[in-house]
PDB file of N, CA and C in Angstrom:
ATOM      1  N   MET A   1     -31.191  53.447  -2.159  1.00  0.00           N
ATOM      2  CA  MET A   1     -31.288  53.397  -3.644  1.00  0.00           C
ATOM      3  C   MET A   1     -31.814  54.549  -3.752  1.00  0.00           C
ATOM      4  N   THR A   2     -32.068  56.084  -5.168  1.00  0.00           N
ATOM      5  CA  THR A   2     -33.084  56.171  -5.174  1.00  0.00           C
ATOM      6  C   THR A   2     -33.832  56.354  -6.138  1.00  0.00           C
ATOM      7  N   GLU A   3     -34.971  56.755  -5.833  1.00  0.00           N
ATOM      8  CA  GLU A   3     -36.116  56.771  -6.641  1.00  0.00           C
ATOM      9  C   GLU A   3     -36.133  56.470  -8.066  1.00  0.00           C
ATOM     10  N   GLU A   4     -35.344  56.954  -8.537  1.00  0.00           N
ATOM     11  CA  GLU A   4     -34.265  57.193 -10.583  1.00  0.00           C
ATOM     12  C   GLU A   4     -34.151  55.538 -10.598  1.00  0.00           C
ATOM     13  N   GLU A   5     -33.017  55.326  -9.824  1.00  0.00           N
ATOM     14  CA  GLU A   5     -32.460  53.836  -9.526  1.00  0.00           C
ATOM     15  C   GLU A   5     -33.515  52.847  -9.487  1.00  0.00           C
ATOM     16  N   LEU A   6     -34.534  53.021  -8.770  1.00  0.00           N
ATOM     17  CA  LEU A   6     -34.977  51.694  -8.149  1.00  0.00           C
ATOM     18  C   LEU A   6     -36.494  51.733  -9.827  1.00  0.00           C
ATOM     19  N   GLN A   7     -36.653  53.308  -9.955  1.00  0.00           N
ATOM     20  CA  GLN A   7     -37.437  53.189 -11.721  1.00  0.00           C
ATOM     21  C   GLN A   7     -36.565  52.494 -12.129  1.00  0.00           C
ATOM     22  N   LEU A   8     -35.375  52.740 -12.478  1.00  0.00           N
ATOM     23  CA  LEU A   8     -34.614  52.000 -14.373  1.00  0.00           C
ATOM     24  C   LEU A   8     -34.364  51.067 -13.984  1.00  0.00           C
ATOM     25  N   ALA A   9     -33.949  50.101 -12.547  1.00  0.00           N
ATOM     26  CA  ALA A   9     -33.899  48.808 -12.114  1.00  0.00           C
ATOM     27  C   ALA A   9     -35.523  47.355 -12.909  1.00  0.00           C
ATOM     28  N   THR A  10     -36.573  48.480 -12.387  1.00  0.00           N
ATOM     29  CA  THR A  10     -37.534  48.425 -12.880  1.00  0.00           C
ATOM     30  C   THR A  10     -38.033  47.610 -14.141  1.00  0.00           C
ATOM     31  N   PHE A  11     -37.814  48.922 -14.721  1.00  0.00           N
ATOM     32  CA  PHE A  11     -38.302  48.888 -16.023  1.00  0.00           C
ATOM     33  C   PHE A  11     -37.309  47.711 -17.122  1.00  0.00           C
ATOM     34  N   GLU A  12     -35.684  47.819 -16.354  1.00  0.00           N
ATOM     35  CA  GLU A  12     -34.695  46.503 -17.134  1.00  0.00           C
ATOM     36  C   GLU A  12     -35.867  45.526 -16.708  1.00  0.00           C
ATOM     37  N   ILE A  13     -36.231  45.127 -15.535  1.00  0.00           N
ATOM     38  CA  ILE A  13     -36.886  43.708 -15.588  1.00  0.00           C
ATOM     39  C   ILE A  13     -37.953  43.799 -16.430  1.00  0.00           C
ATOM     40  N   ILE A  14     -38.482  44.493 -16.708  1.00  0.00           N
ATOM     41  CA  ILE A  14     -40.171  44.262 -17.349  1.00  0.00           C
ATOM     42  C   ILE A  14     -39.510  44.808 -19.027  1.00  0.00           C
ATOM     43  N   LEU A  15     -38.544  44.696 -19.442  1.00  0.00           N
ATOM     44  CA  LEU A  15     -38.346  45.030 -20.101  1.00  0.00           C
ATOM     45  C   LEU A  15     -37.174  44.290 -20.900  1.00  0.00           C
ATOM     46  N   HIS A  16     -36.577  42.683 -19.692  1.00  0.00           N
ATOM     47  CA  HIS A  16     -35.902  42.114 -20.749  1.00  0.00           C
ATOM     48  C   HIS A  16     -36.846  40.516 -20.493  1.00  0.00           C
ATOM     49  N   SER A  17     -38.395  41.088 -19.329  1.00  0.00           N
ATOM     50  CA  SER A  17     -38.616  39.871 -19.384  1.00  0.00           C
ATOM     51  C   SER A  17     -40.163  39.376 -20.692  1.00  0.00           C
ATOM     52  N   GLY A  18     -40.217  41.096 -20.898  1.00  0.00           N
ATOM     53  CA  GLY A  18     -40.853  41.134 -21.595  1.00  0.00           C
ATOM     54  C   GLY A  18     -40.347  40.452 -23.718  1.00  0.00           C
ATOM     55  N   THR A  19     -39.162  41.075 -23.629  1.00  0.00           N
ATOM     56  CA  THR A  19     -38.638  40.302 -24.477  1.00  0.00           C
ATOM     57  C   THR A  19     -38.695  39.349 -24.965  1.00  0.00           C
ATOM     58  N   ALA A  20     -38.412  39.102 -23.832  1.00  0.00           N
ATOM     59  CA  ALA A  20     -38.538  37.205 -23.376  1.00  0.00           C
ATOM     60  C   ALA A  20     -39.742  36.429 -24.384  1.00  0.00           C
ATOM     61  N   ARG A  21     -40.398  37.326 -23.224  1.00  0.00           N
ATOM     62  CA  ARG A  21     -42.174  36.817 -23.899  1.00  0.00           C
ATOM     63  C   ARG A  21     -42.175  36.467 -26.059  1.00  0.00           C
ATOM     64  N   THR A  22     -41.765  37.638 -26.187  1.00  0.00           N
ATOM     65  CA  THR A  22     -41.904  38.033 -27.292  1.00  0.00           C
ATOM     66  C   THR A  22     -41.059  36.749 -28.631  1.00  0.00           C
ATOM     67  N   TYR A  23     -40.093  36.589 -27.684  1.00  0.00           N
ATOM     68  CA  TYR A  23     -39.400  35.316 -28.241  1.00  0.00           C
ATOM     69  C   TYR A  23     -40.071  33.914 -27.766  1.00  0.00           C
ATOM     70  N   VAL A  24     -39.954  33.441 -26.919  1.00  0.00           N
ATOM     71  CA  VAL A  24     -41.446  32.343 -26.914  1.00  0.00           C
ATOM     72  C   VAL A  24     -42.621  32.200 -28.222  1.00  0.00           C
ATOM     73  N   HIS A  25     -43.475  33.720 -27.908  1.00  0.00           N
ATOM     74  CA  HIS A  25     -44.584  34.038 -29.144  1.00  0.00           C
ATOM     75  C   HIS A  25     -43.770  33.107 -30.557  1.00  0.00           C
ATOM     76  N   GLU A  26     -42.540  33.896 -30.497  1.00  0.00           N
ATOM     77  CA  GLU A  26     -41.815  33.925 -31.690  1.00  0.00           C
ATOM     78  C   GLU A  26     -41.605  32.493 -32.463  1.00  0.00           C
ATOM     79  N   ALA A  27     -41.263  31.968 -31.579  1.00  0.00           N
ATOM     80  CA  ALA A  27     -40.864  30.509 -31.236  1.00  0.00           C
ATOM     81  C   ALA A  27     -41.783  29.878 -31.671  1.00  0.00           C
ATOM     82  N   PHE A  28     -42.330  29.842 -31.011  1.00  0.00           N
ATOM     83  CA  PHE A  28     -44.076  29.203 -30.939  1.00  0.00           C
ATOM     84  C   PHE A  28     -44.611  29.457 -32.153  1.00  0.00           C
ATOM     85  N   ASP A  29     -44.663  30.455 -33.259  1.00  0.00           N
ATOM     86  CA  ASP A  29     -44.956  30.277 -34.588  1.00  0.00           C
ATOM     87  C   ASP A  29     -44.145  29.471 -35.454  1.00  0.00           C
ATOM     88  N   ALA A  30     -43.305  29.568 -34.789  1.00  0.00           N
ATOM     89  CA  ALA A  30     -41.661  28.880 -36.161  1.00  0.00           C
ATOM     90  C   ALA A  30     -42.084  27.637 -36.088  1.00  0.00           C
ATOM     91  N   MET A  31     -42.202  26.944 -34.693  1.00  0.00           N
ATOM     92  CA  MET A  31     -42.856  25.542 -34.329  1.00  0.00           C
ATOM     93  C   MET A  31     -43.892  25.383 -35.114  1.00  0.00           C
ATOM     94  N   LYS A  32     -44.539  25.841 -35.560  1.00  0.00           N
ATOM     95  CA  LYS A  32     -45.496  25.820 -35.712  1.00  0.00           C
ATOM     96  C   LYS A  32     -45.634  25.303 -37.712  1.00  0.00           C
ATOM     97  N   GLU A  33     -44.526  25.896 -38.324  1.00  0.00           N
ATOM     98  CA  GLU A  33     -44.092  26.168 -39.371  1.00  0.00           C
ATOM     99  C   GLU A  33     -42.939  24.976 -39.434  1.00  0.00           C
ATOM    100  N   SER A  34     -42.938  24.511 -38.538  1.00  0.00           N
ATOM    101  CA  SER A  34     -41.140  22.839 -39.096  1.00  0.00           C
ATOM    102  C   SER A  34     -40.264  23.593 -38.938  1.00  0.00           C
ATOM    103  N   LYS A  35     -39.917  25.229 -38.371  1.00  0.00           N
ATOM    104  CA  LYS A  35     -38.446  25.644 -38.485  1.00  0.00           C
ATOM    105  C   LYS A  35     -37.987  25.467 -37.094  1.00  0.00           C
ATOM    106  N   PHE A  36     -37.334  24.345 -37.486  1.00  0.00           N
ATOM    107  CA  PHE A  36     -37.171  24.328 -36.239  1.00  0.00           C
ATOM    108  C   PHE A  36     -35.650  24.514 -35.009  1.00  0.00           C
ATOM    109  N   GLU A  37     -34.584  25.201 -36.615  1.00  0.00           N
ATOM    110  CA  GLU A  37     -33.454  25.813 -36.382  1.00  0.00           C
ATOM    111  C   GLU A  37     -34.052  27.050 -35.353  1.00  0.00           C
ATOM    112  N   VAL A  38     -35.333  27.916 -36.172  1.00  0.00           N
ATOM    113  CA  VAL A  38     -35.310  29.389 -35.931  1.00  0.00           C
ATOM    114  C   VAL A  38     -35.495  28.891 -34.124  1.00  0.00           C
ATOM    115  N   VAL A  39     -36.545  27.848 -33.608  1.00  0.00           N
ATOM    116  CA  VAL A  39     -37.446  27.824 -32.499  1.00  0.00           C
ATOM    117  C   VAL A  39     -35.867  27.163 -31.310  1.00  0.00           C
ATOM    118  N   GLU A  40     -34.463  27.319 -31.475  1.00  0.00           N
ATOM    119  CA  GLU A  40     -33.712  27.136 -31.004  1.00  0.00           C
ATOM    120  C   GLU A  40     -32.776  28.653 -31.031  1.00  0.00           C
ATOM    121  N   GLU A  41     -33.310  29.455 -31.871  1.00  0.00           N
ATOM    122  CA  GLU A  41     -32.248  30.167 -31.528  1.00  0.00           C
ATOM    123  C   GLU A  41     -33.780  31.254 -31.219  1.00  0.00           C
ATOM    124  N   LYS A  42     -34.968  31.459 -31.013  1.00  0.00           N
ATOM    125  CA  LYS A  42     -35.814  32.407 -29.960  1.00  0.00           C
ATOM    126  C   LYS A  42     -35.577  31.784 -29.281  1.00  0.00           C
ATOM    127  N   LEU A  43     -35.602  30.481 -28.401  1.00  0.00           N
ATOM    128  CA  LEU A  43     -36.041  30.154 -26.900  1.00  0.00           C
ATOM    129  C   LEU A  43     -34.110  30.575 -26.513  1.00  0.00           C
ATOM    130  N   ALA A  44     -33.125  30.668 -27.229  1.00  0.00           N
ATOM    131  CA  ALA A  44     -32.072  30.990 -26.701  1.00  0.00           C
ATOM    132  C   ALA A  44     -32.281  32.202 -26.028  1.00  0.00           C
ATOM    133  N   ALA A  45     -32.112  33.027 -27.648  1.00  0.00           N
ATOM    134  CA  ALA A  45     -32.403  34.959 -26.997  1.00  0.00           C
ATOM    135  C   ALA A  45     -33.711  35.133 -26.057  1.00  0.00           C
ATOM    136  N   ALA A  46     -34.566  33.916 -25.638  1.00  0.00           N
ATOM    137  CA  ALA A  46     -35.221  34.399 -24.855  1.00  0.00           C
ATOM    138  C   ALA A  46     -34.944  33.814 -23.180  1.00  0.00           C
ATOM    139  N   ASP A  47     -33.871  32.783 -23.652  1.00  0.00           N
ATOM    140  CA  ASP A  47     -33.272  32.506 -22.349  1.00  0.00           C
ATOM    141  C   ASP A  47     -32.101  34.042 -21.625  1.00  0.00           C
ATOM    142  N   GLU A  48     -31.274  34.150 -22.726  1.00  0.00           N
ATOM    143  CA  GLU A  48     -30.790  34.965 -22.582  1.00  0.00           C
ATOM    144  C   GLU A  48     -31.545  36.641 -21.871  1.00  0.00           C
ATOM    145  N   GLU A  49     -33.051  36.880 -22.615  1.00  0.00           N
ATOM    146  CA  GLU A  49     -33.554  37.841 -21.816  1.00  0.00           C
ATOM    147  C   GLU A  49     -33.569  37.471 -19.776  1.00  0.00           C
ATOM    148  N   LEU A  50     -34.488  36.420 -20.115  1.00  0.00           N
ATOM    149  CA  LEU A  50     -34.352  36.237 -19.253  1.00  0.00           C
ATOM    150  C   LEU A  50     -33.221  36.428 -18.105  1.00  0.00           C
ATOM    151  N   LEU A  51     -31.963  35.955 -18.144  1.00  0.00           N
ATOM    152  CA  LEU A  51     -30.933  36.092 -17.776  1.00  0.00           C
ATOM    153  C   LEU A  51     -30.689  36.638 -17.219  1.00  0.00           C
ATOM    154  N   GLN A  52     -31.119  38.580 -18.428  1.00  0.00           N
ATOM    155  CA  GLN A  52     -30.493  39.676 -17.812  1.00  0.00           C
ATOM    156  C   GLN A  52     -31.544  40.127 -16.578  1.00  0.00           C
ATOM    157  N   ALA A  53     -33.018  39.256 -17.170  1.00  0.00           N
ATOM    158  CA  ALA A  53     -33.802  40.429 -15.870  1.00  0.00           C
ATOM    159  C   ALA A  53     -33.950  39.546 -14.509  1.00  0.00           C
ATOM    160  N   HIS A  54     -33.043  37.976 -14.512  1.00  0.00           N
ATOM    161  CA  HIS A  54     -33.239  37.364 -13.124  1.00  0.00           C
ATOM    162  C   HIS A  54     -31.641  38.432 -12.401  1.00  0.00           C
ATOM    163  N   HIS A  55     -30.505  38.822 -13.010  1.00  0.00           N
ATOM    164  CA  HIS A  55     -29.425  39.543 -12.612  1.00  0.00           C
ATOM    165  C   HIS A  55     -30.223  40.739 -12.639  1.00  0.00           C
ATOM    166  N   ALA A  56     -30.841  41.420 -12.262  1.00  0.00           N
ATOM    167  CA  ALA A  56     -31.547  43.102 -12.141  1.00  0.00           C
ATOM    168  C   ALA A  56     -32.697  42.067 -11.331  1.00  0.00           C
ATOM    169  N   GLN A  57     -33.444  41.623 -11.630  1.00  0.00           N
ATOM    170  CA  GLN A  57     -33.978  40.519  -9.737  1.00  0.00           C
ATOM    171  C   GLN A  57     -33.139  41.137  -8.640  1.00  0.00           C
ATOM    172  N   THR A  58     -32.286  40.156  -8.914  1.00  0.00           N
ATOM    173  CA  THR A  58     -31.971  39.720  -8.171  1.00  0.00           C
ATOM    174  C   THR A  58     -30.412  41.145  -7.640  1.00  0.00           C
ATOM    175  N   ASP A  59     -30.277  41.656  -7.974  1.00  0.00           N
ATOM    176  CA  ASP A  59     -29.646  42.904  -7.666  1.00  0.00           C
ATOM    177  C   ASP A  59     -29.996  43.575  -6.896  1.00  0.00           C
ATOM    178  N   LEU A  60     -31.271  43.286  -7.337  1.00  0.00           N
ATOM    179  CA  LEU A  60     -32.278  44.413  -5.979  1.00  0.00           C
ATOM    180  C   LEU A  60     -32.386  43.659  -5.224  1.00  0.00           C
ATOM    181  N   LEU A  61     -32.740  42.490  -4.694  1.00  0.00           N
ATOM    182  CA  LEU A  61     -32.806  41.538  -3.530  1.00  0.00           C
ATOM    183  C   LEU A  61     -32.004  41.698  -2.699  1.00  0.00           C
ATOM    184  N   GLN A  62     -30.119  41.701  -3.501  1.00  0.00           N
ATOM    185  CA  GLN A  62     -29.373  41.718  -2.545  1.00  0.00           C
ATOM    186  C   GLN A  62     -28.730  42.729  -1.829  1.00  0.00           C
ATOM    187  N   LYS A  63     -29.223  44.642  -2.678  1.00  0.00           N
ATOM    188  CA  LYS A  63     -29.598  45.065  -1.865  1.00  0.00           C
ATOM    189  C   LYS A  63     -30.368  45.647  -0.510  1.00  0.00           C
ATOM    190  N   TYR A  64     -31.797  44.937  -0.984  1.00  0.00           N
ATOM    191  CA  TYR A  64     -32.592  44.925   0.237  1.00  0.00           C
ATOM    192  C   TYR A  64     -32.080  43.917   1.427  1.00  0.00           C
ATOM    193  N   ALA A  65     -31.710  42.716   0.925  1.00  0.00           N
ATOM    194  CA  ALA A  65     -30.896  41.498   2.272  1.00  0.00           C
ATOM    195  C   ALA A  65     -29.868  42.615   2.685  1.00  0.00           C
ATOM    196  N   SER A  66     -29.127  43.616   2.380  1.00  0.00           N
ATOM    197  CA  SER A  66     -27.894  44.749   3.204  1.00  0.00           C
ATOM    198  C   SER A  66     -28.298  45.428   3.747  1.00  0.00           C
ATOM    199  N   GLY A  67     -29.663  45.869   3.350  1.00  0.00           N
ATOM    200  CA  GLY A  67     -30.187  46.942   4.666  1.00  0.00           C
ATOM    201  C   GLY A  67     -30.931  48.183   3.696  1.00  0.00           C
ATOM    202  N   THR A  68     -31.046  48.570   1.897  1.00  0.00           N
ATOM    203  CA  THR A  68     -30.977  48.985   1.635  1.00  0.00           C
ATOM    204  C   THR A  68     -32.605  49.123   1.037  1.00  0.00           C
ATOM    205  N   GLU A  69     -33.636  50.403   1.274  1.00  0.00           N
ATOM    206  CA  GLU A  69     -34.544  50.596   1.709  1.00  0.00           C
ATOM    207  C   GLU A  69     -35.243  50.254   0.047  1.00  0.00           C
ATOM    208  N   ILE A  70     -36.670  49.311  -0.188  1.00  0.00           N
ATOM    209  CA  ILE A  70     -36.547  49.759  -1.778  1.00  0.00           C
ATOM    210  C   ILE A  70     -38.225  50.172  -1.039  1.00  0.00           C
ATOM    211  N   LYS A  71     -38.920  51.065  -1.893  1.00  0.00           N
ATOM    212  CA  LYS A  71     -39.819  51.743  -1.759  1.00  0.00           C
ATOM    213  C   LYS A  71     -40.709  51.341  -2.664  1.00  0.00           C
ATOM    214  N   ILE A  72     -41.294  50.047  -2.792  1.00  0.00           N
ATOM    215  CA  ILE A  72     -42.229  49.804  -3.772  1.00  0.00           C
ATOM    216  C   ILE A  72     -43.691  50.261  -4.362  1.00  0.00           C
ATOM    217  N   GLU A  73     -43.417  49.621  -5.513  1.00  0.00           N
ATOM    218  CA  GLU A  73     -44.861  51.329  -6.283  1.00  0.00           C
ATOM    219  C   GLU A  73     -45.248  50.631  -7.342  1.00  0.00           C
ATOM    220  N   ILE A  74     -46.579  50.496  -7.764  1.00  0.00           N
ATOM    221  CA  ILE A  74     -47.552  49.416  -8.353  1.00  0.00           C
ATOM    222  C   ILE A  74     -46.453  49.150  -9.462  1.00  0.00           C
ATOM    223  N   ILE A  75     -45.260  49.896 -10.258  1.00  0.00           N
ATOM    224  CA  ILE A  75     -44.708  49.092 -11.032  1.00  0.00           C
ATOM    225  C   ILE A  75     -43.319  48.164 -10.658  1.00  0.00           C
ATOM    226  N   MET A  76     -43.355  48.335  -9.693  1.00  0.00           N
ATOM    227  CA  MET A  76     -42.673  47.175  -9.301  1.00  0.00           C
ATOM    228  C   MET A  76     -43.386  45.803  -9.088  1.00  0.00           C
ATOM    229  N   VAL A  77     -44.597  45.954  -8.600  1.00  0.00           N
ATOM    230  CA  VAL A  77     -45.690  44.755  -8.412  1.00  0.00           C
ATOM    231  C   VAL A  77     -45.965  44.352  -9.587  1.00  0.00           C
ATOM    232  N   HIS A  78     -45.715  45.155 -11.336  1.00  0.00           N
ATOM    233  CA  HIS A  78     -46.265  44.369 -12.386  1.00  0.00           C
ATOM    234  C   HIS A  78     -44.429  44.132 -13.234  1.00  0.00           C
ATOM    235  N   ALA A  79     -43.657  44.411 -12.413  1.00  0.00           N
ATOM    236  CA  ALA A  79     -42.241  43.287 -12.780  1.00  0.00           C
ATOM    237  C   ALA A  79     -41.946  42.333 -12.343  1.00  0.00           C
TER     238      ALA A  79
END
């Protein structure tokens, strides 16, 4: 796995998990205003983002398990 591929996968995890967190915060705000339809939409969107982050992480784990060397850098620790 090239350094560029690893960075791309890492940023994909960060992007999707960060977006999920934003949706959860938006859901909390909507909940405070009793906008429960919006809450459901935001939580569903957060779930989809987390699923995408999970897929990126799982892909990395599968590559590692199959013997691909994965160099851990500080940005990977953040992800």
